[in-house]
């Protein structure tokens, strides 16, 4: 079984936690309609995910940080090819992979 979850400890998640409320407030102030976002439970850090997997009767075999985002959104949309190249390059570097990865893949077996 493969489980994919957002990387709650990434720079991307941290920056979104700061910028999203500012963007919503600015849109409200300008009268721009905003979609109502459903509130979600926070994704636990890796040890918490390991516990959830174990409690489900599965054995965790692999944890892999993927989808590195080097140029922050929405700036990455201005230069998609550069953003992708940097993401692929930094995904190979073990030291920064955990911080730049936007997703965590967990592989587990019964």
PDB file of N, CA and C in Angstrom:
ATOM      1  N   UNK A   1       0.846  -1.163   0.000  1.00  0.00           N
ATOM      2  CA  UNK A   1       0.000   0.000   0.000  1.00  0.00           C
ATOM      3  C   UNK A   1       0.900   1.238   0.000  1.00  0.00           C
ATOM      4  N   UNK A   2       0.514   2.210  -0.798  1.00  0.00           N
ATOM      5  CA  UNK A   2       1.249   3.472  -0.832  1.00  0.00           C
ATOM      6  C   UNK A   2       0.311   4.576  -0.349  1.00  0.00           C
ATOM      7  N   UNK A   3       0.806   5.372   0.555  1.00  0.00           N
ATOM      8  CA  UNK A   3       0.038   6.484   1.117  1.00  0.00           C
ATOM      9  C   UNK A   3       0.793   7.766   0.797  1.00  0.00           C
ATOM     10  N   UNK A   4       0.093   8.750   0.281  1.00  0.00           N
ATOM     11  CA  UNK A   4       0.698  10.043  -0.033  1.00  0.00           C
ATOM     12  C   UNK A   4       0.012  11.110   0.804  1.00  0.00           C
ATOM     13  N   UNK A   5       0.807  11.867   1.535  1.00  0.00           N
ATOM     14  CA  UNK A   5       0.261  12.936   2.380  1.00  0.00           C
ATOM     15  C   UNK A   5       1.081  14.203   2.179  1.00  0.00           C
ATOM     16  N   UNK A   6       0.457  15.369   2.396  1.00  0.00           N
ATOM     17  CA  UNK A   6       1.232  16.603   2.321  1.00  0.00           C
ATOM     18  C   UNK A   6       2.322  16.612   3.391  1.00  0.00           C
ATOM     19  N   UNK A   7       3.461  17.183   3.064  1.00  0.00           N
ATOM     20  CA  UNK A   7       4.565  17.277   4.015  1.00  0.00           C
ATOM     21  C   UNK A   7       4.329  18.494   4.910  1.00  0.00           C
ATOM     22  N   UNK A   8       3.843  18.239   6.100  1.00  0.00           N
ATOM     23  CA  UNK A   8       3.494  19.309   7.032  1.00  0.00           C
ATOM     24  C   UNK A   8       4.719  20.076   7.520  1.00  0.00           C
ATOM     25  N   UNK A   9       5.906  19.515   7.341  1.00  0.00           N
ATOM     26  CA  UNK A   9       7.124  20.146   7.828  1.00  0.00           C
ATOM     27  C   UNK A   9       7.925  20.833   6.724  1.00  0.00           C
ATOM     28  N   UNK A  10       7.304  21.014   5.564  1.00  0.00           N
ATOM     29  CA  UNK A  10       8.024  21.633   4.442  1.00  0.00           C
ATOM     30  C   UNK A  10       7.990  23.153   4.534  1.00  0.00           C
ATOM     31  N   UNK A  11       8.925  23.785   3.847  1.00  0.00           N
ATOM     32  CA  UNK A  11       8.918  25.244   3.749  1.00  0.00           C
ATOM     33  C   UNK A  11       7.648  25.731   3.060  1.00  0.00           C
ATOM     34  N   UNK A  12       7.191  24.957   2.086  1.00  0.00           N
ATOM     35  CA  UNK A  12       5.973  25.298   1.356  1.00  0.00           C
ATOM     36  C   UNK A  12       4.783  25.384   2.313  1.00  0.00           C
ATOM     37  N   UNK A  13       4.621  24.384   3.181  1.00  0.00           N
ATOM     38  CA  UNK A  13       3.510  24.391   4.139  1.00  0.00           C
ATOM     39  C   UNK A  13       3.633  25.559   5.109  1.00  0.00           C
ATOM     40  N   UNK A  14       4.847  25.835   5.547  1.00  0.00           N
ATOM     41  CA  UNK A  14       5.059  26.949   6.476  1.00  0.00           C
ATOM     42  C   UNK A  14       4.741  28.290   5.818  1.00  0.00           C
ATOM     43  N   UNK A  15       5.175  28.456   4.572  1.00  0.00           N
ATOM     44  CA  UNK A  15       4.916  29.724   3.894  1.00  0.00           C
ATOM     45  C   UNK A  15       3.433  29.886   3.603  1.00  0.00           C
ATOM     46  N   UNK A  16       2.747  28.795   3.265  1.00  0.00           N
ATOM     47  CA  UNK A  16       1.304  28.860   3.015  1.00  0.00           C
ATOM     48  C   UNK A  16       0.545  29.223   4.275  1.00  0.00           C
ATOM     49  N   UNK A  17       1.024  28.745   5.418  1.00  0.00           N
ATOM     50  CA  UNK A  17       0.368  29.074   6.684  1.00  0.00           C
ATOM     51  C   UNK A  17       0.430  30.576   6.956  1.00  0.00           C
ATOM     52  N   UNK A  18       1.454  31.230   6.443  1.00  0.00           N
ATOM     53  CA  UNK A  18       1.595  32.682   6.613  1.00  0.00           C
ATOM     54  C   UNK A  18       0.878  33.467   5.516  1.00  0.00           C
ATOM     55  N   UNK A  19       1.018  33.023   4.273  1.00  0.00           N
ATOM     56  CA  UNK A  19       0.499  33.825   3.159  1.00  0.00           C
ATOM     57  C   UNK A  19      -0.992  33.624   2.891  1.00  0.00           C
ATOM     58  N   UNK A  20      -1.519  32.431   3.087  1.00  0.00           N
ATOM     59  CA  UNK A  20      -2.934  32.192   2.774  1.00  0.00           C
ATOM     60  C   UNK A  20      -3.880  33.109   3.539  1.00  0.00           C
ATOM     61  N   UNK A  21      -3.705  33.284   4.862  1.00  0.00           N
ATOM     62  CA  UNK A  21      -4.603  34.215   5.561  1.00  0.00           C
ATOM     63  C   UNK A  21      -4.487  35.652   5.041  1.00  0.00           C
ATOM     64  N   UNK A  22      -3.277  36.062   4.665  1.00  0.00           N
ATOM     65  CA  UNK A  22      -3.092  37.409   4.120  1.00  0.00           C
ATOM     66  C   UNK A  22      -3.807  37.570   2.773  1.00  0.00           C
ATOM     67  N   UNK A  23      -3.700  36.557   1.939  1.00  0.00           N
ATOM     68  CA  UNK A  23      -4.362  36.593   0.632  1.00  0.00           C
ATOM     69  C   UNK A  23      -5.874  36.630   0.814  1.00  0.00           C
ATOM     70  N   UNK A  24      -6.407  35.787   1.704  1.00  0.00           N
ATOM     71  CA  UNK A  24      -7.859  35.785   1.944  1.00  0.00           C
ATOM     72  C   UNK A  24      -8.329  37.139   2.471  1.00  0.00           C
ATOM     73  N   UNK A  25      -7.585  37.723   3.410  1.00  0.00           N
ATOM     74  CA  UNK A  25      -7.962  39.024   3.980  1.00  0.00           C
ATOM     75  C   UNK A  25      -7.931  40.106   2.908  1.00  0.00           C
ATOM     76  N   UNK A  26      -6.916  40.075   2.049  1.00  0.00           N
ATOM     77  CA  UNK A  26      -6.807  41.062   0.972  1.00  0.00           C
ATOM     78  C   UNK A  26      -7.970  40.921   0.002  1.00  0.00           C
ATOM     79  N   UNK A  27      -8.303  39.700  -0.359  1.00  0.00           N
ATOM     80  CA  UNK A  27      -9.431  39.478  -1.272  1.00  0.00           C
ATOM     81  C   UNK A  27     -10.736  39.981  -0.656  1.00  0.00           C
ATOM     82  N   UNK A  28     -10.934  39.699   0.631  1.00  0.00           N
ATOM     83  CA  UNK A  28     -12.144  40.187   1.306  1.00  0.00           C
ATOM     84  C   UNK A  28     -12.198  41.710   1.292  1.00  0.00           C
ATOM     85  N   UNK A  29     -11.058  42.340   1.577  1.00  0.00           N
ATOM     86  CA  UNK A  29     -10.999  43.804   1.611  1.00  0.00           C
ATOM     87  C   UNK A  29     -11.290  44.406   0.241  1.00  0.00           C
ATOM     88  N   UNK A  30     -10.890  43.707  -0.822  1.00  0.00           N
ATOM     89  CA  UNK A  30     -11.113  44.198  -2.184  1.00  0.00           C
ATOM     90  C   UNK A  30     -12.462  43.766  -2.745  1.00  0.00           C
ATOM     91  N   UNK A  31     -13.199  42.975  -1.984  1.00  0.00           N
ATOM     92  CA  UNK A  31     -14.508  42.516  -2.439  1.00  0.00           C
ATOM     93  C   UNK A  31     -14.453  41.374  -3.434  1.00  0.00           C
ATOM     94  N   UNK A  32     -13.321  40.717  -3.529  1.00  0.00           N
ATOM     95  CA  UNK A  32     -13.179  39.567  -4.425  1.00  0.00           C
ATOM     96  C   UNK A  32     -13.735  38.343  -3.710  1.00  0.00           C
ATOM     97  N   UNK A  33     -14.671  37.627  -4.347  1.00  0.00           N
ATOM     98  CA  UNK A  33     -15.228  36.452  -3.674  1.00  0.00           C
ATOM     99  C   UNK A  33     -14.165  35.364  -3.493  1.00  0.00           C
ATOM    100  N   UNK A  34     -14.196  34.731  -2.354  1.00  0.00           N
ATOM    101  CA  UNK A  34     -13.264  33.627  -2.076  1.00  0.00           C
ATOM    102  C   UNK A  34     -14.064  32.376  -1.801  1.00  0.00           C
ATOM    103  N   UNK A  35     -13.537  31.270  -2.226  1.00  0.00           N
ATOM    104  CA  UNK A  35     -14.200  29.992  -1.976  1.00  0.00           C
ATOM    105  C   UNK A  35     -14.052  29.641  -0.505  1.00  0.00           C
ATOM    106  N   UNK A  36     -15.118  29.103   0.049  1.00  0.00           N
ATOM    107  CA  UNK A  36     -15.050  28.656   1.436  1.00  0.00           C
ATOM    108  C   UNK A  36     -14.204  27.390   1.480  1.00  0.00           C
ATOM    109  N   UNK A  37     -13.170  27.414   2.292  1.00  0.00           N
ATOM    110  CA  UNK A  37     -12.283  26.258   2.400  1.00  0.00           C
ATOM    111  C   UNK A  37     -12.697  25.400   3.589  1.00  0.00           C
ATOM    112  N   UNK A  38     -12.776  24.125   3.358  1.00  0.00           N
ATOM    113  CA  UNK A  38     -13.092  23.210   4.452  1.00  0.00           C
ATOM    114  C   UNK A  38     -11.898  23.137   5.389  1.00  0.00           C
ATOM    115  N   UNK A  39     -12.144  23.176   6.654  1.00  0.00           N
ATOM    116  CA  UNK A  39     -11.070  23.050   7.639  1.00  0.00           C
ATOM    117  C   UNK A  39     -10.716  21.577   7.761  1.00  0.00           C
ATOM    118  N   UNK A  40      -9.426  21.299   7.700  1.00  0.00           N
ATOM    119  CA  UNK A  40      -8.955  19.917   7.780  1.00  0.00           C
ATOM    120  C   UNK A  40      -8.114  19.738   9.024  1.00  0.00           C
ATOM    121  N   UNK A  41      -8.093  18.506   9.487  1.00  0.00           N
ATOM    122  CA  UNK A  41      -7.201  18.187  10.593  1.00  0.00           C
ATOM    123  C   UNK A  41      -5.768  18.311  10.098  1.00  0.00           C
ATOM    124  N   UNK A  42      -4.884  18.684  10.989  1.00  0.00           N
ATOM    125  CA  UNK A  42      -3.466  18.776  10.631  1.00  0.00           C
ATOM    126  C   UNK A  42      -2.902  17.375  10.412  1.00  0.00           C
ATOM    127  N   UNK A  43      -2.016  17.283   9.416  1.00  0.00           N
ATOM    128  CA  UNK A  43      -1.316  16.029   9.158  1.00  0.00           C
ATOM    129  C   UNK A  43      -0.234  15.892  10.225  1.00  0.00           C
ATOM    130  N   UNK A  44      -0.177  14.748  10.909  1.00  0.00           N
ATOM    131  CA  UNK A  44       0.868  14.600  11.929  1.00  0.00           C
ATOM    132  C   UNK A  44       2.247  14.455  11.297  1.00  0.00           C
ATOM    133  N   UNK A  45       3.308  14.731  12.071  1.00  0.00           N
ATOM    134  CA  UNK A  45       4.659  14.497  11.557  1.00  0.00           C
ATOM    135  C   UNK A  45       4.886  12.998  11.342  1.00  0.00           C
ATOM    136  N   UNK A  46       5.999  12.658  10.719  1.00  0.00           N
ATOM    137  CA  UNK A  46       6.290  11.272  10.327  1.00  0.00           C
ATOM    138  C   UNK A  46       6.109  10.265  11.468  1.00  0.00           C
ATOM    139  N   UNK A  47       6.623  10.501  12.688  1.00  0.00           N
ATOM    140  CA  UNK A  47       6.402   9.501  13.746  1.00  0.00           C
ATOM    141  C   UNK A  47       4.912   9.243  14.008  1.00  0.00           C
ATOM    142  N   UNK A  48       4.094  10.263  13.906  1.00  0.00           N
ATOM    143  CA  UNK A  48       2.655  10.080  14.087  1.00  0.00           C
ATOM    144  C   UNK A  48       2.043   9.261  12.966  1.00  0.00           C
ATOM    145  N   UNK A  49       2.523   9.474  11.744  1.00  0.00           N
ATOM    146  CA  UNK A  49       2.043   8.691  10.608  1.00  0.00           C
ATOM    147  C   UNK A  49       2.467   7.237  10.740  1.00  0.00           C
ATOM    148  N   UNK A  50       3.692   7.021  11.223  1.00  0.00           N
ATOM    149  CA  UNK A  50       4.168   5.654  11.441  1.00  0.00           C
ATOM    150  C   UNK A  50       3.264   4.927  12.433  1.00  0.00           C
ATOM    151  N   UNK A  51       2.836   5.628  13.461  1.00  0.00           N
ATOM    152  CA  UNK A  51       1.955   5.036  14.466  1.00  0.00           C
ATOM    153  C   UNK A  51       0.582   4.704  13.869  1.00  0.00           C
ATOM    154  N   UNK A  52       0.063   5.596  13.046  1.00  0.00           N
ATOM    155  CA  UNK A  52      -1.233   5.356  12.400  1.00  0.00           C
ATOM    156  C   UNK A  52      -1.159   4.122  11.505  1.00  0.00           C
ATOM    157  N   UNK A  53      -0.078   4.006  10.744  1.00  0.00           N
ATOM    158  CA  UNK A  53       0.111   2.857   9.859  1.00  0.00           C
ATOM    159  C   UNK A  53       0.213   1.571  10.680  1.00  0.00           C
ATOM    160  N   UNK A  54       0.982   1.610  11.762  1.00  0.00           N
ATOM    161  CA  UNK A  54       1.124   0.428  12.623  1.00  0.00           C
ATOM    162  C   UNK A  54      -0.214   0.043  13.258  1.00  0.00           C
ATOM    163  N   UNK A  55      -0.998   1.033  13.695  1.00  0.00           N
ATOM    164  CA  UNK A  55      -2.299   0.756  14.298  1.00  0.00           C
ATOM    165  C   UNK A  55      -3.290   0.166  13.305  1.00  0.00           C
ATOM    166  N   UNK A  56      -3.041   0.396  12.007  1.00  0.00           N
ATOM    167  CA  UNK A  56      -3.887  -0.178  10.962  1.00  0.00           C
ATOM    168  C   UNK A  56      -3.453  -1.602  10.620  1.00  0.00           C
ATOM    169  N   UNK A  57      -2.452  -2.118  11.327  1.00  0.00           N
ATOM    170  CA  UNK A  57      -1.985  -3.485  11.089  1.00  0.00           C
ATOM    171  C   UNK A  57      -1.036  -3.602   9.912  1.00  0.00           C
ATOM    172  N   UNK A  58      -0.405  -2.507   9.545  1.00  0.00           N
ATOM    173  CA  UNK A  58       0.537  -2.509   8.427  1.00  0.00           C
ATOM    174  C   UNK A  58       1.943  -2.260   8.937  1.00  0.00           C
ATOM    175  N   UNK A  59       2.912  -2.745   8.168  1.00  0.00           N
ATOM    176  CA  UNK A  59       4.313  -2.525   8.505  1.00  0.00           C
ATOM    177  C   UNK A  59       4.895  -1.522   7.512  1.00  0.00           C
ATOM    178  N   UNK A  60       5.380  -0.415   8.027  1.00  0.00           N
ATOM    179  CA  UNK A  60       5.956   0.627   7.187  1.00  0.00           C
ATOM    180  C   UNK A  60       7.285   0.137   6.622  1.00  0.00           C
ATOM    181  N   UNK A  61       7.432   0.220   5.293  1.00  0.00           N
ATOM    182  CA  UNK A  61       8.667  -0.248   4.660  1.00  0.00           C
ATOM    183  C   UNK A  61       9.526   0.906   4.126  1.00  0.00           C
ATOM    184  N   UNK A  62       8.885   1.986   3.666  1.00  0.00           N
ATOM    185  CA  UNK A  62       9.632   3.086   3.069  1.00  0.00           C
ATOM    186  C   UNK A  62       8.946   4.414   3.354  1.00  0.00           C
ATOM    187  N   UNK A  63       9.743   5.434   3.604  1.00  0.00           N
ATOM    188  CA  UNK A  63       9.254   6.810   3.687  1.00  0.00           C
ATOM    189  C   UNK A  63      10.098   7.616   2.708  1.00  0.00           C
ATOM    190  N   UNK A  64       9.447   8.284   1.783  1.00  0.00           N
ATOM    191  CA  UNK A  64      10.177   9.033   0.750  1.00  0.00           C
ATOM    192  C   UNK A  64       9.570  10.427   0.605  1.00  0.00           C
ATOM    193  N   UNK A  65      10.404  11.439   0.674  1.00  0.00           N
ATOM    194  CA  UNK A  65       9.984  12.820   0.477  1.00  0.00           C
ATOM    195  C   UNK A  65      10.120  13.150  -1.002  1.00  0.00           C
ATOM    196  N   UNK A  66       9.028  13.629  -1.615  1.00  0.00           N
ATOM    197  CA  UNK A  66       9.014  13.873  -3.061  1.00  0.00           C
ATOM    198  C   UNK A  66       8.389  15.232  -3.372  1.00  0.00           C
ATOM    199  N   UNK A  67       8.444  15.602  -4.634  1.00  0.00           N
ATOM    200  CA  UNK A  67       7.837  16.822  -5.170  1.00  0.00           C
ATOM    201  C   UNK A  67       8.431  18.072  -4.522  1.00  0.00           C
ATOM    202  N   UNK A  68       9.726  18.234  -4.675  1.00  0.00           N
ATOM    203  CA  UNK A  68      10.406  19.398  -4.106  1.00  0.00           C
ATOM    204  C   UNK A  68       9.938  20.673  -4.795  1.00  0.00           C
ATOM    205  N   UNK A  69       9.626  21.669  -4.001  1.00  0.00           N
ATOM    206  CA  UNK A  69       9.224  22.976  -4.512  1.00  0.00           C
ATOM    207  C   UNK A  69      10.253  23.987  -4.037  1.00  0.00           C
ATOM    208  N   UNK A  70      11.110  24.440  -4.967  1.00  0.00           N
ATOM    209  CA  UNK A  70      12.200  25.349  -4.631  1.00  0.00           C
ATOM    210  C   UNK A  70      11.750  26.796  -4.767  1.00  0.00           C
ATOM    211  N   UNK A  71      11.063  27.095  -5.860  1.00  0.00           N
ATOM    212  CA  UNK A  71      10.521  28.441  -6.078  1.00  0.00           C
ATOM    213  C   UNK A  71       9.111  28.444  -5.490  1.00  0.00           C
ATOM    214  N   UNK A  72       8.842  29.302  -4.527  1.00  0.00           N
ATOM    215  CA  UNK A  72       7.543  29.250  -3.853  1.00  0.00           C
ATOM    216  C   UNK A  72       6.378  29.579  -4.778  1.00  0.00           C
ATOM    217  N   UNK A  73       5.255  28.912  -4.511  1.00  0.00           N
ATOM    218  CA  UNK A  73       4.017  29.216  -5.229  1.00  0.00           C
ATOM    219  C   UNK A  73       3.543  30.592  -4.786  1.00  0.00           C
ATOM    220  N   UNK A  74       2.978  31.370  -5.617  1.00  0.00           N
ATOM    221  CA  UNK A  74       2.625  31.157  -7.023  1.00  0.00           C
ATOM    222  C   UNK A  74       3.724  31.569  -8.001  1.00  0.00           C
ATOM    223  N   UNK A  75       4.900  31.961  -7.499  1.00  0.00           N
ATOM    224  CA  UNK A  75       5.996  32.373  -8.389  1.00  0.00           C
ATOM    225  C   UNK A  75       6.456  31.235  -9.298  1.00  0.00           C
ATOM    226  N   UNK A  76       6.292  29.991  -8.847  1.00  0.00           N
ATOM    227  CA  UNK A  76       6.708  28.855  -9.671  1.00  0.00           C
ATOM    228  C   UNK A  76       5.943  28.794 -10.985  1.00  0.00           C
ATOM    229  N   UNK A  77       4.750  29.379 -11.027  1.00  0.00           N
ATOM    230  CA  UNK A  77       3.958  29.377 -12.266  1.00  0.00           C
ATOM    231  C   UNK A  77       4.511  30.338 -13.309  1.00  0.00           C
ATOM    232  N   UNK A  78       5.307  31.291 -12.870  1.00  0.00           N
ATOM    233  CA  UNK A  78       5.892  32.248 -13.815  1.00  0.00           C
ATOM    234  C   UNK A  78       7.040  31.640 -14.607  1.00  0.00           C
ATOM    235  N   UNK A  79       7.697  30.662 -14.028  1.00  0.00           N
ATOM    236  CA  UNK A  79       8.818  29.998 -14.698  1.00  0.00           C
ATOM    237  C   UNK A  79       8.749  28.492 -14.428  1.00  0.00           C
ATOM    238  N   UNK A  80       7.770  27.811 -15.034  1.00  0.00           N
ATOM    239  CA  UNK A  80       7.542  26.397 -14.730  1.00  0.00           C
ATOM    240  C   UNK A  80       8.712  25.478 -15.076  1.00  0.00           C
ATOM    241  N   UNK A  81       9.387  25.719 -16.190  1.00  0.00           N
ATOM    242  CA  UNK A  81      10.501  24.839 -16.579  1.00  0.00           C
ATOM    243  C   UNK A  81      11.647  24.954 -15.580  1.00  0.00           C
ATOM    244  N   UNK A  82      11.976  26.171 -15.186  1.00  0.00           N
ATOM    245  CA  UNK A  82      13.037  26.386 -14.196  1.00  0.00           C
ATOM    246  C   UNK A  82      12.645  25.783 -12.856  1.00  0.00           C
ATOM    247  N   UNK A  83      11.407  25.982 -12.464  1.00  0.00           N
ATOM    248  CA  UNK A  83      10.922  25.444 -11.201  1.00  0.00           C
ATOM    249  C   UNK A  83      11.011  23.918 -11.179  1.00  0.00           C
ATOM    250  N   UNK A  84      10.629  23.300 -12.291  1.00  0.00           N
ATOM    251  CA  UNK A  84      10.694  21.836 -12.370  1.00  0.00           C
ATOM    252  C   UNK A  84      12.134  21.340 -12.316  1.00  0.00           C
ATOM    253  N   UNK A  85      13.017  21.988 -13.067  1.00  0.00           N
ATOM    254  CA  UNK A  85      14.432  21.573 -13.066  1.00  0.00           C
ATOM    255  C   UNK A  85      15.036  21.676 -11.670  1.00  0.00           C
ATOM    256  N   UNK A  86      14.774  22.785 -10.990  1.00  0.00           N
ATOM    257  CA  UNK A  86      15.294  22.952  -9.635  1.00  0.00           C
ATOM    258  C   UNK A  86      14.703  21.918  -8.689  1.00  0.00           C
ATOM    259  N   UNK A  87      13.403  21.655  -8.831  1.00  0.00           N
ATOM    260  CA  UNK A  87      12.754  20.658  -7.986  1.00  0.00           C
ATOM    261  C   UNK A  87      13.383  19.284  -8.143  1.00  0.00           C
ATOM    262  N   UNK A  88      13.604  18.875  -9.391  1.00  0.00           N
ATOM    263  CA  UNK A  88      14.224  17.571  -9.660  1.00  0.00           C
ATOM    264  C   UNK A  88      15.640  17.523  -9.089  1.00  0.00           C
ATOM    265  N   UNK A  89      16.392  18.596  -9.279  1.00  0.00           N
ATOM    266  CA  UNK A  89      17.768  18.652  -8.766  1.00  0.00           C
ATOM    267  C   UNK A  89      17.799  18.546  -7.246  1.00  0.00           C
ATOM    268  N   UNK A  90      16.968  19.322  -6.572  1.00  0.00           N
ATOM    269  CA  UNK A  90      16.988  19.328  -5.112  1.00  0.00           C
ATOM    270  C   UNK A  90      16.354  18.084  -4.501  1.00  0.00           C
ATOM    271  N   UNK A  91      15.486  17.410  -5.254  1.00  0.00           N
ATOM    272  CA  UNK A  91      14.899  16.172  -4.760  1.00  0.00           C
ATOM    273  C   UNK A  91      15.966  15.092  -4.589  1.00  0.00           C
ATOM    274  N   UNK A  92      17.052  15.207  -5.332  1.00  0.00           N
ATOM    275  CA  UNK A  92      18.148  14.230  -5.249  1.00  0.00           C
ATOM    276  C   UNK A  92      19.072  14.500  -4.067  1.00  0.00           C
ATOM    277  N   UNK A  93      18.995  15.685  -3.502  1.00  0.00           N
ATOM    278  CA  UNK A  93      19.892  16.059  -2.397  1.00  0.00           C
ATOM    279  C   UNK A  93      19.230  15.733  -1.070  1.00  0.00           C
ATOM    280  N   UNK A  94      19.805  14.762  -0.404  1.00  0.00           N
ATOM    281  CA  UNK A  94      19.194  14.227   0.810  1.00  0.00           C
ATOM    282  C   UNK A  94      19.008  15.275   1.904  1.00  0.00           C
ATOM    283  N   UNK A  95      19.946  16.167   2.058  1.00  0.00           N
ATOM    284  CA  UNK A  95      19.889  17.128   3.174  1.00  0.00           C
ATOM    285  C   UNK A  95      18.713  18.098   3.083  1.00  0.00           C
ATOM    286  N   UNK A  96      18.345  18.502   1.893  1.00  0.00           N
ATOM    287  CA  UNK A  96      17.267  19.480   1.749  1.00  0.00           C
ATOM    288  C   UNK A  96      15.942  18.861   1.304  1.00  0.00           C
ATOM    289  N   UNK A  97      15.961  17.592   0.953  1.00  0.00           N
ATOM    290  CA  UNK A  97      14.762  16.937   0.438  1.00  0.00           C
ATOM    291  C   UNK A  97      13.593  17.038   1.418  1.00  0.00           C
ATOM    292  N   UNK A  98      13.833  16.807   2.697  1.00  0.00           N
ATOM    293  CA  UNK A  98      12.752  16.826   3.689  1.00  0.00           C
ATOM    294  C   UNK A  98      12.114  18.204   3.817  1.00  0.00           C
ATOM    295  N   UNK A  99      12.903  19.241   3.662  1.00  0.00           N
ATOM    296  CA  UNK A  99      12.389  20.600   3.849  1.00  0.00           C
ATOM    297  C   UNK A  99      11.676  21.115   2.600  1.00  0.00           C
ATOM    298  N   UNK A 100      12.142  20.718   1.423  1.00  0.00           N
ATOM    299  CA  UNK A 100      11.570  21.223   0.182  1.00  0.00           C
ATOM    300  C   UNK A 100      10.459  20.346  -0.382  1.00  0.00           C
ATOM    301  N   UNK A 101      10.362  19.104   0.053  1.00  0.00           N
ATOM    302  CA  UNK A 101       9.351  18.190  -0.477  1.00  0.00           C
ATOM    303  C   UNK A 101       7.956  18.607  -0.038  1.00  0.00           C
ATOM    304  N   UNK A 102       7.035  18.651  -0.990  1.00  0.00           N
ATOM    305  CA  UNK A 102       5.658  19.018  -0.654  1.00  0.00           C
ATOM    306  C   UNK A 102       4.819  17.791  -0.291  1.00  0.00           C
ATOM    307  N   UNK A 103       5.309  16.602  -0.622  1.00  0.00           N
ATOM    308  CA  UNK A 103       4.574  15.363  -0.339  1.00  0.00           C
ATOM    309  C   UNK A 103       5.492  14.350   0.340  1.00  0.00           C
ATOM    310  N   UNK A 104       4.876  13.466   1.109  1.00  0.00           N
ATOM    311  CA  UNK A 104       5.587  12.344   1.721  1.00  0.00           C
ATOM    312  C   UNK A 104       4.878  11.072   1.271  1.00  0.00           C
ATOM    313  N   UNK A 105       5.634  10.157   0.698  1.00  0.00           N
ATOM    314  CA  UNK A 105       5.091   8.859   0.300  1.00  0.00           C
ATOM    315  C   UNK A 105       5.496   7.829   1.349  1.00  0.00           C
ATOM    316  N   UNK A 106       4.528   7.074   1.813  1.00  0.00           N
ATOM    317  CA  UNK A 106       4.798   6.006   2.764  1.00  0.00           C
ATOM    318  C   UNK A 106       4.380   4.696   2.096  1.00  0.00           C
ATOM    319  N   UNK A 107       5.234   3.716   2.147  1.00  0.00           N
ATOM    320  CA  UNK A 107       4.947   2.410   1.591  1.00  0.00           C
ATOM    321  C   UNK A 107       4.813   1.450   2.758  1.00  0.00           C
ATOM    322  N   UNK A 108       3.744   0.646   2.743  1.00  0.00           N
ATOM    323  CA  UNK A 108       3.513  -0.275   3.857  1.00  0.00           C
ATOM    324  C   UNK A 108       2.976  -1.602   3.305  1.00  0.00           C
ATOM    325  N   UNK A 109       3.253  -2.669   4.055  1.00  0.00           N
ATOM    326  CA  UNK A 109       2.749  -4.000   3.701  1.00  0.00           C
ATOM    327  C   UNK A 109       1.993  -4.577   4.877  1.00  0.00           C
ATOM    328  N   UNK A 110       1.130  -5.540   4.614  1.00  0.00           N
ATOM    329  CA  UNK A 110       0.353  -6.197   5.655  1.00  0.00           C
ATOM    330  C   UNK A 110       1.170  -7.214   6.380  1.00  0.00           C
TER     331      UNK A 110
END
